[in-house]
Protein backbone atom coordinates (compact mmCIF):
# COMPACT_ATOMS: atom_id res chain seq x y z
CA MET A 1 28.83 33.11 27.59
CA ASN A 2 29.08 31.26 23.73
CA ILE A 3 30.62 28.32 25.06
CA GLU A 4 27.84 27.90 27.47
CA PHE A 5 25.63 28.07 25.19
CA LYS A 6 27.07 25.51 23.19
CA ARG A 7 27.06 23.27 25.89
CA LEU A 8 23.32 23.69 26.85
CA ILE A 9 22.25 22.90 23.49
CA ASP A 10 25.16 20.19 23.50
CA GLN A 11 23.08 18.85 26.83
CA VAL A 12 19.72 19.09 26.03
CA SER A 13 20.02 17.21 22.92
CA ARG A 14 21.97 14.51 24.28
CA ASP A 15 19.56 14.04 27.34
CA LYS A 16 16.29 14.65 25.48
CA GLY A 17 17.33 12.81 22.47
CA ILE A 18 16.58 15.81 20.35
CA ASP A 19 18.61 16.64 17.26
CA LYS A 20 20.81 19.51 17.66
CA ASP A 21 19.50 20.90 14.26
CA ILE A 22 16.15 21.51 15.39
CA LEU A 23 17.10 23.11 19.02
CA VAL A 24 19.30 25.60 17.31
CA MET A 25 16.40 26.24 14.34
CA ALA A 26 14.12 26.72 17.67
CA ILE A 27 16.98 29.46 19.14
CA LYS A 28 16.87 31.49 15.97
CA ASP A 29 13.07 31.78 15.55
CA ALA A 30 12.98 32.85 19.08
CA ILE A 31 15.50 35.18 19.01
CA ARG A 32 14.01 36.41 15.94
CA SER A 33 10.69 36.89 17.84
CA ALA A 34 12.43 38.21 20.42
CA ALA A 35 14.23 41.05 18.13
CA LYS A 36 10.60 42.00 16.64
CA LYS A 37 9.06 42.10 19.74
CA LYS A 38 11.94 45.05 20.76
CA TYR A 39 12.14 46.75 17.54
CA GLY A 40 9.01 46.29 15.76
CA PRO A 41 7.33 43.46 13.69
CA ARG A 42 8.39 44.96 10.10
CA LEU A 43 11.98 44.28 10.89
CA GLU A 44 14.21 41.85 8.72
CA ILE A 45 15.75 39.73 10.83
CA GLU A 46 18.54 37.14 10.36
CA VAL A 47 19.76 34.94 13.26
CA ASP A 48 23.19 33.48 12.93
CA TYR A 49 24.47 30.78 15.39
CA LYS A 50 28.11 29.69 14.78
CA ASP A 51 28.01 25.88 15.87
CA ASP A 52 32.04 25.77 16.77
CA THR A 53 32.14 28.72 19.23
CA GLY A 54 28.40 28.88 20.14
CA ALA A 55 28.52 32.23 18.99
CA ILE A 56 24.83 33.79 18.18
CA GLU A 57 24.89 37.11 15.80
CA VAL A 58 21.60 38.70 15.10
CA PHE A 59 21.21 41.27 11.84
CA GLN A 60 18.54 43.67 10.69
CA PHE A 61 18.50 44.15 7.18
CA LYS A 62 17.85 47.26 5.42
CA GLU A 63 17.50 48.27 2.15
CA VAL A 64 20.27 51.12 0.83
CA VAL A 65 17.77 54.20 -0.33
CA SER A 66 18.02 57.98 -1.36
CA GLU A 67 15.51 59.20 0.54
CA VAL A 68 14.40 56.85 3.76
CA THR A 69 10.60 56.55 4.41
CA ASP A 70 10.65 53.54 6.65
CA PRO A 71 13.14 54.10 9.17
CA SER A 72 12.40 50.35 10.28
CA ARG A 73 13.42 48.64 6.53
CA GLU A 74 15.41 51.74 4.90
CA ILE A 75 18.73 53.50 5.40
CA SER A 76 20.16 56.22 3.21
CA MET A 77 22.85 56.20 1.55
CA GLU A 78 24.79 58.55 3.76
CA GLU A 79 24.62 56.27 7.01
CA ALA A 80 25.09 52.92 4.63
CA ARG A 81 28.77 53.92 3.94
CA LYS A 82 29.51 54.78 7.14
CA LEU A 83 28.92 50.89 7.93
CA ASP A 84 30.27 49.67 4.10
CA PRO A 85 32.29 51.95 2.52
CA GLU A 86 31.45 49.61 -0.95
CA CYS A 87 27.59 49.53 -0.60
CA GLU A 88 25.75 50.72 -3.51
CA MET A 89 22.40 52.17 -3.99
CA GLY A 90 19.44 49.09 -3.75
CA ASP A 91 21.71 46.64 -1.67
CA SER A 92 20.31 44.78 1.51
CA LEU A 93 22.30 45.89 3.90
CA GLY A 94 23.18 43.73 7.61
CA ILE A 95 23.02 45.60 11.01
CA LYS A 96 24.10 43.89 13.80
CA ILE A 97 22.46 44.10 16.90
CA ASP A 98 23.33 43.78 20.07
CA ALA A 99 21.04 40.69 21.40
CA THR A 100 21.30 41.58 24.66
CA GLN A 101 19.77 44.53 24.40
CA PHE A 102 16.35 42.35 24.09
CA GLY A 103 14.76 43.51 27.19
CA ARG A 104 13.06 40.68 29.91
CA ILE A 105 9.70 40.83 27.96
CA ALA A 106 11.46 39.37 24.75
CA ALA A 107 14.16 37.59 26.72
CA GLN A 108 11.33 35.95 28.45
CA SER A 109 8.99 35.00 24.56
CA ALA A 110 12.19 33.80 23.59
CA LYS A 111 12.60 31.34 26.17
CA GLN A 112 8.84 30.58 26.00
CA VAL A 113 9.65 30.14 21.50
CA ILE A 114 12.75 27.31 22.98
CA MET A 115 10.47 25.60 25.60
CA GLN A 116 7.56 24.74 23.07
CA ARG A 117 9.94 23.53 20.48
CA MET A 118 12.02 21.31 22.50
CA LYS A 119 8.50 19.55 23.27
CA ASP A 120 7.69 19.63 20.00
CA ALA A 121 10.34 17.94 19.04
CA GLU A 122 10.33 15.53 21.89
CA ARG A 123 7.05 14.89 21.34
CA ASP A 124 7.71 13.91 17.45
CA LEU A 125 10.32 11.86 18.96
CA VAL A 126 8.25 9.64 21.29
CA PHE A 127 5.48 9.73 18.43
CA GLU A 128 8.26 8.01 15.91
CA ASP A 129 9.57 5.60 18.67
CA PHE A 130 5.94 4.69 19.18
CA LYS A 131 4.70 4.61 16.29
CA ASP A 132 6.26 1.76 14.53
CA ARG A 133 6.01 -0.40 18.01
CA LYS A 134 2.16 -1.00 17.38
CA GLY A 135 1.46 -4.56 17.95
CA GLU A 136 4.28 -4.82 20.57
CA ILE A 137 4.26 -6.50 24.01
CA ILE A 138 6.10 -3.32 25.87
CA ASN A 139 6.93 -3.31 30.29
CA GLY A 140 5.73 -0.64 32.16
CA ILE A 141 5.45 0.82 35.40
CA VAL A 142 1.63 1.62 37.17
CA GLN A 143 2.04 5.12 37.79
CA ARG A 144 -1.75 5.49 38.76
CA VAL A 145 -5.02 4.17 39.05
CA ASP A 146 -7.73 6.76 37.25
CA PRO A 147 -11.63 6.08 36.95
CA ASP A 148 -10.45 6.74 32.99
CA GLY A 149 -7.68 4.28 33.09
CA THR A 150 -4.41 3.33 34.22
CA ILE A 151 -1.91 5.59 33.65
CA VAL A 152 1.61 3.63 32.72
CA ASN A 153 4.76 5.39 32.57
CA LEU A 154 7.08 3.98 30.13
CA GLY A 155 9.90 5.91 30.75
CA ARG A 156 9.83 8.46 27.93
CA THR A 157 6.22 9.17 28.26
CA GLU A 158 2.90 7.42 29.80
CA ALA A 159 0.44 5.38 28.65
CA LEU A 160 -3.25 4.50 29.30
CA LEU A 161 -4.70 1.31 30.01
CA PRO A 162 -8.78 1.84 29.67
CA PRO A 163 -11.07 -0.21 31.84
CA SER A 164 -12.15 -1.98 28.67
CA GLU A 165 -8.54 -3.21 28.28
CA GLN A 166 -8.46 -4.21 31.86
CA VAL A 167 -9.11 -8.20 32.19
CA PRO A 168 -12.26 -8.23 34.37
CA ARG A 169 -10.70 -8.91 38.02
CA GLU A 170 -7.51 -7.65 37.67
CA THR A 171 -6.34 -5.38 39.66
CA TYR A 172 -3.20 -2.47 39.71
CA HIS A 173 -0.76 -0.83 42.38
CA LYS A 174 1.10 2.27 41.84
CA GLY A 175 4.76 1.13 41.64
CA GLU A 176 3.57 -2.06 39.93
CA ARG A 177 5.77 -3.74 36.71
CA ILE A 178 2.88 -4.61 34.07
CA ARG A 179 3.39 -5.59 30.57
CA ALA A 180 0.86 -4.99 27.96
CA PHE A 181 0.37 -4.91 24.05
CA VAL A 182 0.50 -1.89 22.68
CA LEU A 183 -3.17 -1.48 20.89
CA ASP A 184 -2.51 2.02 19.26
CA VAL A 185 -0.37 4.88 19.03
CA LYS A 186 -2.54 8.35 18.53
CA ARG A 187 -0.76 11.24 17.86
CA GLN A 188 -2.68 14.77 20.47
CA THR A 189 -1.69 18.05 21.08
CA ARG A 190 -0.85 17.48 24.71
CA GLY A 191 1.58 14.79 22.62
CA PRO A 192 1.23 11.18 21.65
CA GLN A 193 -1.11 8.88 23.60
CA VAL A 194 -0.47 5.11 23.94
CA ILE A 195 -3.43 3.02 24.16
CA LEU A 196 -2.29 -0.87 25.78
CA SER A 197 -4.39 -3.94 26.49
CA ARG A 198 -4.35 -6.55 28.26
CA THR A 199 -7.21 -8.21 26.45
CA HIS A 200 -6.90 -8.26 23.66
CA PRO A 201 -6.00 -11.70 21.77
CA GLN A 202 -2.92 -10.49 19.27
CA PHE A 203 -1.24 -9.87 23.36
CA LEU A 204 -1.69 -13.77 23.60
CA VAL A 205 -0.25 -14.49 20.32
CA ALA A 206 2.18 -11.90 21.50
CA LEU A 207 3.13 -13.75 24.48
CA PHE A 208 3.20 -16.96 22.64
CA GLU A 209 6.33 -15.36 20.50
CA ALA A 210 8.32 -14.04 23.18
CA GLU A 211 8.29 -17.56 24.83
CA VAL A 212 8.47 -19.76 22.27
CA PRO A 213 11.78 -19.43 20.17
CA GLU A 214 10.07 -21.81 16.95
CA ILE A 215 7.31 -18.65 16.79
CA SER A 216 9.98 -16.36 16.93
CA GLU A 217 11.77 -17.84 14.09
CA GLY A 218 8.93 -18.85 11.87
CA ILE A 219 9.15 -22.40 11.97
CA VAL A 220 5.97 -22.31 14.09
CA GLN A 221 2.82 -20.22 13.08
CA VAL A 222 0.00 -19.19 15.44
CA LEU A 223 -2.80 -19.05 12.74
CA ALA A 224 -6.23 -18.47 14.92
CA CYS A 225 -6.71 -17.61 18.29
CA ALA A 226 -9.63 -16.60 20.90
CA ARG A 227 -10.23 -14.79 24.08
CA GLU A 228 -12.35 -14.96 27.24
CA PRO A 229 -9.79 -12.57 28.75
CA GLY A 230 -8.93 -13.49 32.80
CA SER A 231 -10.97 -17.09 31.71
CA ARG A 232 -10.05 -19.59 28.91
CA SER A 233 -8.12 -18.89 25.65
CA LYS A 234 -7.96 -21.04 22.79
CA ILE A 235 -4.58 -21.08 20.70
CA ALA A 236 -4.30 -22.90 16.97
CA VAL A 237 -0.42 -23.64 15.68
CA SER A 238 1.18 -24.88 12.91
CA SER A 239 4.12 -26.48 11.82
CA ARG A 240 6.28 -25.57 8.80
CA ALA A 241 8.74 -28.42 9.56
CA ALA A 242 7.80 -31.77 9.96
CA ASP A 243 9.72 -33.02 12.15
CA VAL A 244 8.59 -30.30 15.06
CA ASP A 245 5.23 -30.95 17.05
CA PRO A 246 3.81 -27.30 17.06
CA VAL A 247 1.40 -28.17 20.33
CA GLY A 248 4.72 -29.53 21.91
CA ALA A 249 6.75 -26.27 21.29
CA CYS A 250 4.05 -23.75 22.59
CA VAL A 251 3.64 -26.31 26.01
CA GLY A 252 7.00 -26.51 26.37
CA MET A 253 9.50 -29.00 28.67
CA LYS A 254 6.86 -29.86 31.44
CA GLY A 255 4.48 -27.69 30.57
CA ALA A 256 7.38 -24.51 31.13
CA ARG A 257 6.54 -22.31 28.54
CA VAL A 258 3.03 -22.22 28.42
CA GLN A 259 3.04 -21.99 32.41
CA ASN A 260 5.40 -18.93 31.97
CA ILE A 261 2.19 -17.32 30.03
CA VAL A 262 -0.40 -18.42 32.37
CA GLN A 263 1.39 -17.04 35.35
CA GLU A 264 1.40 -13.55 33.20
CA LEU A 265 -2.41 -13.78 32.60
CA ARG A 266 -2.89 -14.74 36.45
CA GLY A 267 -4.11 -17.86 35.55
CA GLU A 268 -6.05 -17.86 32.54
CA LYS A 269 -6.60 -21.37 31.07
CA ILE A 270 -4.82 -22.17 27.96
CA ASP A 271 -6.03 -24.27 25.25
CA ILE A 272 -3.00 -24.92 22.58
CA ILE A 273 -4.75 -27.03 19.51
CA PRO A 274 -3.16 -27.82 16.48
CA TRP A 275 -4.55 -26.11 13.18
CA HIS A 276 -5.83 -27.62 10.23
CA PRO A 277 -7.28 -27.15 6.64
CA ASP A 278 -9.96 -29.00 6.82
CA GLU A 279 -12.78 -27.36 8.87
CA ALA A 280 -14.56 -30.15 10.32
CA LYS A 281 -11.37 -31.54 11.59
CA PHE A 282 -10.08 -27.88 12.72
CA ALA A 283 -13.84 -27.61 14.42
CA THR A 284 -12.95 -31.31 15.99
CA ASN A 285 -9.22 -30.26 17.36
CA ALA A 286 -10.80 -26.86 18.75
CA LEU A 287 -13.64 -28.81 20.51
CA ALA A 288 -11.25 -30.72 22.56
CA PRO A 289 -10.68 -31.87 25.28
CA ALA A 290 -14.66 -33.28 23.82
CA GLN A 291 -14.77 -35.89 21.62
CA VAL A 292 -16.80 -35.58 18.76
CA SER A 293 -18.76 -38.43 16.33
CA ARG A 294 -19.51 -36.62 13.25
CA ILE A 295 -20.15 -33.03 11.95
CA ILE A 296 -22.86 -31.61 9.10
CA LEU A 297 -21.48 -28.88 7.56
CA ASN A 298 -23.26 -26.55 6.04
CA LYS A 299 -20.89 -24.24 3.32
CA ASP A 300 -23.60 -21.48 2.01
CA SER A 301 -24.60 -20.69 6.04
CA GLN A 302 -21.04 -21.38 7.38
CA SER A 303 -22.14 -23.28 9.87
CA MET A 304 -21.77 -27.05 11.26
CA GLU A 305 -23.87 -29.57 13.56
CA VAL A 306 -21.65 -30.96 15.81
CA ILE A 307 -22.15 -34.28 17.27
CA VAL A 308 -21.35 -35.72 20.02
CA PRO A 309 -21.65 -38.95 22.85
CA ASP A 310 -24.70 -37.90 25.14
CA ASP A 311 -21.80 -38.30 27.90
CA GLN A 312 -19.09 -35.52 26.21
CA LEU A 313 -22.21 -33.24 25.70
CA SER A 314 -21.39 -30.99 28.87
CA LEU A 315 -17.72 -31.14 27.92
CA ALA A 316 -17.81 -29.75 24.29
CA ILE A 317 -20.34 -26.98 25.28
CA GLY A 318 -18.60 -25.91 28.30
CA LYS A 319 -19.28 -23.97 31.26
CA ARG A 320 -21.78 -21.42 30.02
CA GLY A 321 -20.97 -22.20 26.53
CA GLN A 322 -17.87 -20.79 26.84
CA ASN A 323 -16.01 -23.96 24.92
CA VAL A 324 -18.40 -24.41 21.87
CA ARG A 325 -18.05 -20.12 21.84
CA LEU A 326 -14.64 -20.30 21.54
CA ALA A 327 -14.25 -22.68 19.30
CA SER A 328 -16.91 -21.21 17.08
CA ARG A 329 -14.67 -18.04 17.16
CA MET A 330 -11.28 -19.86 16.04
CA VAL A 331 -13.11 -21.69 13.21
CA GLY A 332 -15.71 -18.88 12.28
CA TRP A 333 -18.51 -20.82 11.62
CA LYS A 334 -21.33 -20.82 13.75
CA ILE A 335 -21.30 -24.28 15.88
CA ASP A 336 -24.50 -26.27 16.74
CA VAL A 337 -23.68 -29.67 19.22
CA LYS A 338 -26.07 -31.51 19.98
CA SER A 339 -25.90 -35.23 21.59
CA GLU A 340 -26.36 -38.74 19.57
CA SER A 341 -29.48 -39.59 21.39
CA LYS A 342 -31.07 -36.15 20.55
CA TYR A 343 -29.30 -36.13 17.34
CA SER A 344 -30.99 -39.71 16.49
CA LYS A 345 -34.23 -38.88 18.03
CA SER A 346 -34.22 -35.68 14.91
CA LEU A 347 -33.50 -37.67 12.49
CA LYS A 348 -36.23 -40.44 13.63
CA GLU A 349 -38.79 -37.59 13.65
CA GLY A 350 -37.09 -35.90 10.63
CA TYR A 351 -37.48 -38.76 8.47
CA LEU A 352 -41.47 -39.73 10.17
CA SER A 353 -42.38 -36.13 9.00
CA LEU A 354 -41.26 -36.93 5.21
CA LEU A 355 -43.19 -39.78 5.39
CA ARG A 356 -46.10 -37.53 6.45
CA ILE A 357 -46.06 -35.69 2.89
CA PRO A 358 -48.78 -36.50 0.86
CA GLY A 359 -47.96 -39.30 -1.65
CA VAL A 360 -44.44 -40.01 -0.04
CA GLY A 361 -43.50 -43.56 0.66
CA GLU A 362 -40.58 -45.01 2.55
CA ILE A 363 -38.99 -45.61 -1.25
CA THR A 364 -38.99 -41.71 -1.89
CA ALA A 365 -38.71 -40.77 1.84
CA ASN A 366 -35.41 -42.88 2.02
CA LEU A 367 -34.18 -41.04 -0.98
CA LEU A 368 -34.63 -37.75 0.39
CA GLY A 369 -32.95 -38.57 3.10
CA GLU A 370 -29.88 -39.88 0.80
CA ALA A 371 -30.30 -37.16 -0.57
CA GLY A 372 -29.76 -35.10 2.35
CA PHE A 373 -33.41 -33.69 3.42
CA THR A 374 -33.89 -34.31 6.67
CA SER A 375 -37.55 -33.00 7.44
CA ALA A 376 -40.52 -32.00 4.99
CA ARG A 377 -39.93 -28.57 6.27
CA GLU A 378 -36.26 -28.48 3.87
CA VAL A 379 -38.30 -29.91 1.00
CA ALA A 380 -40.95 -27.57 1.11
CA GLU A 381 -38.05 -24.73 1.53
CA SER A 382 -36.40 -26.37 -1.31
CA SER A 383 -36.39 -25.30 -5.12
CA THR A 384 -37.66 -27.50 -7.97
CA GLU A 385 -33.80 -27.06 -9.25
CA GLU A 386 -32.40 -28.49 -5.97
CA LEU A 387 -34.65 -31.07 -5.71
CA ILE A 388 -34.08 -32.52 -8.83
CA GLN A 389 -30.42 -31.73 -8.53
CA ALA A 390 -30.10 -33.96 -5.41
CA THR A 391 -32.65 -36.65 -6.44
CA GLY A 392 -33.05 -36.97 -9.88
CA LEU A 393 -36.63 -36.83 -9.91
CA THR A 394 -38.70 -35.43 -12.84
CA GLU A 395 -39.56 -31.71 -12.54
CA LYS A 396 -42.93 -32.53 -12.70
CA LYS A 397 -43.12 -35.42 -9.48
CA ALA A 398 -40.76 -32.30 -7.79
CA ALA A 399 -42.67 -29.77 -7.92
CA VAL A 400 -45.70 -31.94 -7.14
CA LEU A 401 -43.91 -33.28 -3.70
CA ILE A 402 -42.50 -29.49 -3.04
CA ALA A 403 -46.17 -28.01 -3.25
CA ALA A 404 -46.84 -31.27 -1.07
CA ALA A 405 -44.92 -30.24 1.49
CA GLN A 406 -45.56 -26.84 1.71
CA GLU A 407 -49.12 -27.37 1.97
CA MET A 408 -48.51 -29.91 4.77
CA ILE A 409 -46.25 -27.32 7.00
CA GLY A 410 -49.10 -24.54 6.30
CA LYS A 411 -51.16 -26.58 7.80
CA ALA A 412 -49.73 -27.64 10.98
CA GLY A 413 -49.05 -23.96 11.00
CA ALA A 414 -52.27 -23.18 11.47
CA GLU A 415 -53.63 -26.09 13.43
CA ALA A 416 -50.57 -24.73 16.02
CA ALA A 417 -51.67 -21.58 15.72
CA SER A 418 -55.18 -22.10 16.61
CA ALA A 419 -54.31 -24.65 19.34
CA ALA A 420 -52.48 -21.86 20.96
CA PRO A 421 -55.57 -19.46 21.88
CA ALA A 422 -57.53 -22.32 23.77
CA GLN A 423 -55.03 -23.35 25.44
CA ALA A 424 -53.99 -19.74 27.41
CA GLN A 425 -57.86 -20.10 27.97
C-alpha cells in the first residue's frame, strides 16, 4: 500500500511535471483536513511522509496536564505515562492515529484537497512556462471555433485567438495546425489565459527572425514595421556588417525566405526597405516603389510634404491610400503626397498671394519665398521674431508686413463668407 502510494506520487510528478514536494505537501494538508473532519477542528495534527517507503503517519498532539478540561487537546498524566513512561507535566505528546479510520466523507475531503492542489500546481507551472514566451511564435492545433474567438490547443494548455487578432478573411478549421504570436499571458482563477495574435506587427517581425538567420544572429536589425493584416506590410531593415545586404538577406535566394513568410500570412504582400536615420531619405525608401522628386520637412509638426512626378502620384498614394499610410506609420511622421504639377500650381498661387499683400513688391516677395514663406497666410500666422530671423527685416517693417498680411487674409475671409449666402440663394 505504501509502495503503491509512493509510485502514485512519482507517476503524477512525472506525468504532470509537478514537483514531488508540492504533491507531498498537498497530501499532508489533505490528510490533516480529513482528520479534523473526523475528530474535530480543534485537534493539533501532524502528518509525516516517509519518502523511502511512501508511508504516511498521522499524529495527534496533546498536552500532558494534571486535570483534563479539553479531551481533544489534553491528556492526563496517568494516560500519558501508559504511552510514554518518561513524559513530564506540560509535555506535548504525539499519539499515532490510524489514517484508515477517517471514514468515507473525510476521505472524499482529502481527495478534493489533493486534486485542487494538483490543479493549482499545474496551473502555476503552465503560467510560469508561458509568461516568458510573450513575444514568441508558437504552434498549436485549432480545437474549436467560437464566436468569442478560436481556441488553440498548445499541448499543456489552451490559448485564445480573439476575433480582433485574426486576419480578415482568414478561416480556421478544427484540427488545423496554426502559428501565432503570443500577445499576452494572464493569470486567471480557471488557469492561465494565453492570448494569441496573427495581426500584430511583431508577428511579422518574429517570422522574419525565425526565417532569416542574419536577424536571429543580430547581424541584420528590424527597425520599423507597419502592417495592414491580410493585405500589405512594410518592414525596414538595417545591417551591422558592411558586407551584408539587409534587404537581400531578408528576401533570400530567389525570394525563398520572404515567400515562406508570405505563404504563412496567406498572400499578404511585404515590402522590405532599407532603413535610414535621415527622415526624408527614410520616407523616400518607405514610399517605394514610387519615385520622389523632393521632400519639404516641418520638424515642429512632425509632418512632411512629398512631391512626386505626376505619373507616380497614384503609385505613391497606393490603393485607397495604403502605400502612403503604411509609409507614414513606418517613419512616424504625417506624410502629404502631392504631384509636381499641383505643387507648382500651389507655389505660383502662394507667390501671387505674397504679391497681393499691401506694400509687397517682387523683391520682398522673393525674399519671403527664399526664407520659406510660400503664402500670405504663412506670413500672417508668423511672429515678428520669426520673420526678422528668417528675412533680416527690421522690427518695424516686419510688424507692418504681418499686420498687412493679416488684414488681407481677414478681408478675403469676410468676402468669402458674404458670398456663400448669395450662392445658396
